[in-house]
Amino acid sequence: MTKKFDVIWAHVAENDLKEIIEYIATDSPASPPNALKTLQKIKQQASRLYILPERGRIVPELQDQGILLYRELIVPPWRIIYRISEMNVYILSVFDARQNVEDILLHRFIFRK
């Protein structure tokens, strides 16, 4: 029998997703349908982590720093960053992979107190 995990969205990740969708929706008059598609794709991929959450790769930029707790799924061009703890999967961040990833991750996951 396959173990099932609870997928829990952190407040900051929910805000990330909200900002992404708002940005896409206001980009042009034809963008609201694209925003909805993006929202559905990201939410769908994240929700699938309830089974086999280890399938996401360890975040390379953090792995280079010796940090192995965080994994990611890619939903081009978006990155969904998460952490597995016991029977929970915590969605921690969603952002555009074209941004400076190292600065975002290091600020959020290392220097946050």
C-alpha atoms as a PDB file:
ATOM      1  CA  MET A   1       0.000   0.000   0.000  1.00  0.00           C
ATOM      2  CA  THR A   2       1.318   3.422  -0.954  1.00  0.00           C
ATOM      3  CA  LYS A   3       1.708   5.992   1.790  1.00  0.00           C
ATOM      4  CA  LYS A   4      -0.314   9.149   1.290  1.00  0.00           C
ATOM      5  CA  PHE A   5       1.036  12.494   2.395  1.00  0.00           C
ATOM      6  CA  ASP A   6      -0.851  15.677   3.240  1.00  0.00           C
ATOM      7  CA  VAL A   7       0.059  18.566   0.948  1.00  0.00           C
ATOM      8  CA  ILE A   8       0.110  21.842   2.874  1.00  0.00           C
ATOM      9  CA  TRP A   9       0.665  25.265   1.326  1.00  0.00           C
ATOM     10  CA  ALA A  10       2.704  27.764   3.333  1.00  0.00           C
ATOM     11  CA  HIS A  11       1.306  31.286   3.429  1.00  0.00           C
ATOM     12  CA  VAL A  12       4.285  32.658   1.486  1.00  0.00           C
ATOM     13  CA  ALA A  13       3.771  30.075  -1.293  1.00  0.00           C
ATOM     14  CA  GLU A  14       0.083  30.975  -1.531  1.00  0.00           C
ATOM     15  CA  ASN A  15       1.116  34.627  -1.881  1.00  0.00           C
ATOM     16  CA  ASP A  16       3.670  33.704  -4.541  1.00  0.00           C
ATOM     17  CA  LEU A  17       0.991  31.919  -6.542  1.00  0.00           C
ATOM     18  CA  LYS A  18      -1.476  34.764  -6.119  1.00  0.00           C
ATOM     19  CA  GLU A  19       1.088  37.302  -7.371  1.00  0.00           C
ATOM     20  CA  ILE A  20       1.980  35.116 -10.356  1.00  0.00           C
ATOM     21  CA  ILE A  21      -1.668  34.701 -11.361  1.00  0.00           C
ATOM     22  CA  GLU A  22      -2.431  38.411 -10.904  1.00  0.00           C
ATOM     23  CA  TYR A  23       0.592  39.332 -13.016  1.00  0.00           C
ATOM     24  CA  ILE A  24      -0.375  36.948 -15.830  1.00  0.00           C
ATOM     25  CA  ALA A  25      -4.031  38.050 -15.719  1.00  0.00           C
ATOM     26  CA  THR A  26      -3.161  41.739 -16.128  1.00  0.00           C
ATOM     27  CA  ASP A  27      -0.438  41.254 -18.743  1.00  0.00           C
ATOM     28  CA  SER A  28      -2.848  41.679 -21.687  1.00  0.00           C
ATOM     29  CA  PRO A  29      -6.597  41.473 -22.400  1.00  0.00           C
ATOM     30  CA  ALA A  30      -6.241  37.836 -23.507  1.00  0.00           C
ATOM     31  CA  SER A  31      -4.345  36.840 -20.376  1.00  0.00           C
ATOM     32  CA  PRO A  32      -7.064  35.842 -17.845  1.00  0.00           C
ATOM     33  CA  PRO A  33      -7.525  32.404 -19.480  1.00  0.00           C
ATOM     34  CA  ASN A  34      -3.750  31.924 -19.429  1.00  0.00           C
ATOM     35  CA  ALA A  35      -3.674  32.862 -15.752  1.00  0.00           C
ATOM     36  CA  LEU A  36      -6.349  30.268 -14.998  1.00  0.00           C
ATOM     37  CA  LYS A  37      -4.448  27.574 -16.940  1.00  0.00           C
ATOM     38  CA  THR A  38      -1.249  28.414 -15.060  1.00  0.00           C
ATOM     39  CA  LEU A  39      -3.048  28.275 -11.714  1.00  0.00           C
ATOM     40  CA  GLN A  40      -4.562  24.886 -12.556  1.00  0.00           C
ATOM     41  CA  LYS A  41      -1.239  23.422 -13.743  1.00  0.00           C
ATOM     42  CA  ILE A  42       0.692  24.554 -10.665  1.00  0.00           C
ATOM     43  CA  LYS A  43      -2.009  23.453  -8.199  1.00  0.00           C
ATOM     44  CA  GLN A  44      -2.435  20.112  -9.974  1.00  0.00           C
ATOM     45  CA  GLN A  45       1.281  19.307  -9.941  1.00  0.00           C
ATOM     46  CA  ALA A  46       1.611  20.294  -6.284  1.00  0.00           C
ATOM     47  CA  SER A  47      -1.430  18.252  -5.265  1.00  0.00           C
ATOM     48  CA  ARG A  48       0.075  15.155  -6.893  1.00  0.00           C
ATOM     49  CA  LEU A  49       2.837  15.196  -4.304  1.00  0.00           C
ATOM     50  CA  TYR A  50       0.539  13.320  -1.921  1.00  0.00           C
ATOM     51  CA  ILE A  51       2.037  10.173  -3.453  1.00  0.00           C
ATOM     52  CA  LEU A  52       5.793   9.751  -3.913  1.00  0.00           C
ATOM     53  CA  PRO A  53       6.885  13.284  -2.988  1.00  0.00           C
ATOM     54  CA  GLU A  54      10.531  12.215  -3.325  1.00  0.00           C
ATOM     55  CA  ARG A  55      10.118  12.316  -7.106  1.00  0.00           C
ATOM     56  CA  GLY A  56      11.035  16.004  -7.147  1.00  0.00           C
ATOM     57  CA  ARG A  57      14.716  16.748  -7.410  1.00  0.00           C
ATOM     58  CA  ILE A  58      16.750  18.337  -4.638  1.00  0.00           C
ATOM     59  CA  VAL A  59      17.052  22.072  -5.386  1.00  0.00           C
ATOM     60  CA  PRO A  60      20.454  22.311  -7.143  1.00  0.00           C
ATOM     61  CA  GLU A  61      21.315  25.800  -5.883  1.00  0.00           C
ATOM     62  CA  LEU A  62      20.790  24.686  -2.295  1.00  0.00           C
ATOM     63  CA  GLN A  63      22.434  21.321  -2.841  1.00  0.00           C
ATOM     64  CA  ASP A  64      25.577  23.217  -3.849  1.00  0.00           C
ATOM     65  CA  GLN A  65      25.469  24.766  -0.352  1.00  0.00           C
ATOM     66  CA  GLY A  66      25.059  21.341   1.284  1.00  0.00           C
ATOM     67  CA  ILE A  67      21.332  21.855   1.953  1.00  0.00           C
ATOM     68  CA  LEU A  68      19.396  18.740   1.009  1.00  0.00           C
ATOM     69  CA  LEU A  69      16.016  19.304   2.702  1.00  0.00           C
ATOM     70  CA  TYR A  70      14.301  21.099  -0.154  1.00  0.00           C
ATOM     71  CA  ARG A  71      12.952  19.608  -3.354  1.00  0.00           C
ATOM     72  CA  GLU A  72      11.309  21.068  -6.405  1.00  0.00           C
ATOM     73  CA  LEU A  73       8.938  20.349  -9.231  1.00  0.00           C
ATOM     74  CA  ILE A  74       9.240  22.227 -12.483  1.00  0.00           C
ATOM     75  CA  VAL A  75       6.105  23.459 -14.229  1.00  0.00           C
ATOM     76  CA  PRO A  76       7.822  25.531 -16.927  1.00  0.00           C
ATOM     77  CA  PRO A  77       8.764  28.274 -16.310  1.00  0.00           C
ATOM     78  CA  TRP A  78       7.679  27.920 -12.668  1.00  0.00           C
ATOM     79  CA  ARG A  79       9.466  26.161  -9.840  1.00  0.00           C
ATOM     80  CA  ILE A  80       7.512  24.711  -6.919  1.00  0.00           C
ATOM     81  CA  ILE A  81       9.782  24.400  -3.882  1.00  0.00           C
ATOM     82  CA  TYR A  82       8.730  22.046  -1.100  1.00  0.00           C
ATOM     83  CA  ARG A  83       9.939  20.098   1.922  1.00  0.00           C
ATOM     84  CA  ILE A  84       8.890  16.675   3.162  1.00  0.00           C
ATOM     85  CA  SER A  85       8.430  16.206   6.897  1.00  0.00           C
ATOM     86  CA  GLU A  86       6.970  13.012   8.301  1.00  0.00           C
ATOM     87  CA  MET A  87       3.716  12.491   6.364  1.00  0.00           C
ATOM     88  CA  ASN A  88       3.436  16.096   5.190  1.00  0.00           C
ATOM     89  CA  VAL A  89       4.601  17.894   2.088  1.00  0.00           C
ATOM     90  CA  TYR A  90       4.980  21.618   2.679  1.00  0.00           C
ATOM     91  CA  ILE A  91       4.792  23.800  -0.428  1.00  0.00           C
ATOM     92  CA  LEU A  92       7.136  26.643   0.471  1.00  0.00           C
ATOM     93  CA  SER A  93       7.551  28.774  -2.615  1.00  0.00           C
ATOM     94  CA  VAL A  94       6.521  29.166  -6.236  1.00  0.00           C
ATOM     95  CA  PHE A  95       8.500  31.415  -8.531  1.00  0.00           C
ATOM     96  CA  ASP A  96       9.621  32.052 -12.074  1.00  0.00           C
ATOM     97  CA  ALA A  97      12.753  30.056 -12.850  1.00  0.00           C
ATOM     98  CA  ARG A  98      14.008  32.980 -14.944  1.00  0.00           C
ATOM     99  CA  GLN A  99      14.505  35.005 -11.763  1.00  0.00           C
ATOM    100  CA  ASN A 100      17.730  34.935  -9.763  1.00  0.00           C
ATOM    101  CA  VAL A 101      16.926  31.693  -8.013  1.00  0.00           C
ATOM    102  CA  GLU A 102      19.856  31.623  -5.608  1.00  0.00           C
ATOM    103  CA  ASP A 103      19.048  34.999  -4.081  1.00  0.00           C
ATOM    104  CA  ILE A 104      15.388  34.090  -3.587  1.00  0.00           C
ATOM    105  CA  LEU A 105      16.074  30.702  -2.044  1.00  0.00           C
ATOM    106  CA  LEU A 106      18.943  31.754   0.161  1.00  0.00           C
ATOM    107  CA  HIS A 107      16.960  34.705   1.478  1.00  0.00           C
ATOM    108  CA  ARG A 108      13.828  32.664   2.183  1.00  0.00           C
ATOM    109  CA  PHE A 109      15.282  29.424   3.477  1.00  0.00           C
ATOM    110  CA  ILE A 110      18.576  30.328   5.092  1.00  0.00           C
ATOM    111  CA  PHE A 111      18.590  33.912   6.268  1.00  0.00           C
ATOM    112  CA  ARG A 112      14.990  34.018   7.469  1.00  0.00           C
ATOM    113  CA  LYS A 113      14.733  34.173  11.237  1.00  0.00           C
END
